Amino acid sequence: MASSYHAPSTNLHTLLNPSSSRSLPYIPSTSRFFTVKHDLSSLNLNSHSEKFKCGGARASMAEIVTPKSKGKVTVFDTEEHLAVSLAKYTADLSNKICQDRNSFTVVLSGGSLVKSLRKLVEPPYVDSVDWSKWNVFWVDERVVPKDHPDSNYLLAYNEFLSKVSITPGNVHSINDGLSAENAADDYETRLKQLVKNKTIEQSETTGFPKFDLMLMGMGPDGHIASLFPGHPLIQEKEKWVCFIKDSPKPPSERISFTLPVINSSANIALVVAGSGKATALHIALSDVSNIDVLPVQLVAPEGELACGDDKIINSRIMAFGLPVTCQVEYLCNITVSHNMKLSLLIILAFLAFLSLALTSHGKLNVRKFKSEEDVAVALANYTANLSEKYIKEKGSFSCVLSGGTLIYTLSKKVDWSKWQIFWVDERVVPLDDPLSNYKLALDGFLSKVPIPKENIYPIKYYKSAEKVALYYENLLKKLVNQKIIPLSSTGFPKFDLFLNGVGPDGHVASLFPNRPQRYEKKRWVTFITDSPKPPPPRITFTFPVINSGSHVAMVVTDAAEANAVAIALGVLPQPKPTLPCAEVKGKEETTWFLDKDAASKLK
């Protein structure tokens, strides 16, 4: 039987007051990145430019070497060159294999991948391919009828299959008349029969089918086929085809090749386009080591890294994205065991590559008001407008609170049902304790607005501060895997809005001056047992998480914090070490909301 898995604006009354990692495998590479036409100085990259030919047209190219020599990226000028290169790559591979055999086995997926093959069905490539020898398969499929808009078969038929003369009997679609489990069993049985009659080759190394070319896309969460982050399906080692009934991406029921089948292929083309893939690209090509491995990183055909060997071939990764219209080629050297001729072609979003400039931060705004009430009104409008913006764009709004009494009234235009509430820090006390930040928020705000209970994520109480921190970090990682919280290009969760206060000593959240927690770089959530402000045990987000937030509001309405505000904004000299509040930098913007007392030291 097939394997089954089930994975898991108007008014603001009162204001804010302060109050084990796993290393990831990387795409094998001993090479360098190349790009053009963009200022990537924040990455401290070295570059030079040259000209090259692509599809008969001249195009600009520049070479960029990453600080850690992750790889070589070559940037072309237009998306047209990408489509031409992919068509030429596929046609050349088809012609080469068809000279030796009577079958060329190609595996398709869904999404925009098939559209990227549009040049293949145009001259000169369409006339150069012996379509009678093509056998087409699907790496995954949704459990829907073939004429359903969600069907990968229908997409491939409309964009590709209907425009070429592939023998109908050589199009091996997944049976849409069966249940998910039975469809997976049926497809695996058919594949085994095709291996037996030599239509599909069998890998001598793994024993799994060895397709000539596998064309796949990648999701914003790094999933490939229907293998999703954190799902047990990615651990399947024996089955050829499995099914999933709880896909985090609709429709929930799907059929998918397993990783052993994918990685037994002779050639893999992983086609990824769009700025939404920025995070997955960053994780795949950088040293992020605090989250679970993404499925895309597990695409690893047999072979070892080596240089200067005649068994070494080039793997190419190309990318296209906006607003800079370029194609990126990433060249890797891979030694192929058993003389297996292998080429890994990945098309990644150039815009995503640009987001690797992790040192960049958003703009800084300082807004000063006459009174605390004026701050309240402005902050309420600011929050409500952000809420409206993000709910319209992505269907939800994630807001992270700190201690003190909080917002308790906003205009009716806020869609509270789409709000998600988190805490940047918490005291290690029961949730009904007067010192609990959750209780303060509940009494002053949450009990007065209709935010669904399941959208409120308090930091639960355990006697052990370390256990509490681990619980909350695991909860956040689970929500990232479920795509309830997106992942930033930094590899940390990306919340829409942080509402932070500042203490007189310049602390933010529970990150205090002269305490080591402020220097934590890998953990999402940490703990402190010797807080200089009672109670001593506390839980807090780390700076990498805070600074991965899209927007950060720093709300200060007391003269006691005036010095800290002036130091953070560069008016007064910065002590050593710097004040924690001076290190807060939202990815899109950081906005300080100050009344006249808090702003009294600003010139």
Foldseek 3Di string as FASTA:
>chain_A
DFDEFDDDAFFFDDADAFDDWFWAFFDFFQAADWEDDDDLCLQVWDKDKDWDDAPNDIWIWMWTGGPVRLFTKIKTAALVSQLRVVLVVVLVLQVVVVVPDLAAEEEEEADCQLVSNQCCLPPPNLVSHPQQRYAYHYQKFFLADCPDPRTRNVRCCVRPVVSHDHDPVRYDYFDNVDALAVSQVVSQVVVVVCCVVVNFPAQPVQRATAHAEYEWEADLQGDIHQRFPPTCQQVDDPGQKHWYQQRLDPPGTMIGGYLVNQQNYLEYEYEYEDQSNLQVVLSNRHGQIQADYGSNRSNHHDFDADPDDPQWDWAWEWEAYPDRGIIMITTRTTRHPPSRRYYYYYYYHPNSVSLNSVVAFAAEAEDEAAASRVLRGVVNVVVQVLQVVVCVVPNAAEEEEEADATGADHDPVHPLQRYAYHYQKFAQDACCDPRTRNVNDCVRHVVRDPHDPVRYDYQHHDPDLAVSQVVVQVVVSVCCSSVVFDAFSLRETEHAEYEWEADLQQDIRQRFPPDCQQVDDRGQKDWFQQRPRPPGTMIGGYQVRQQNYQEYEYEYEALSNQVSVCCLVVNDPADVPGRSNNSGGHRHYYYYRYYCSSPVSPD
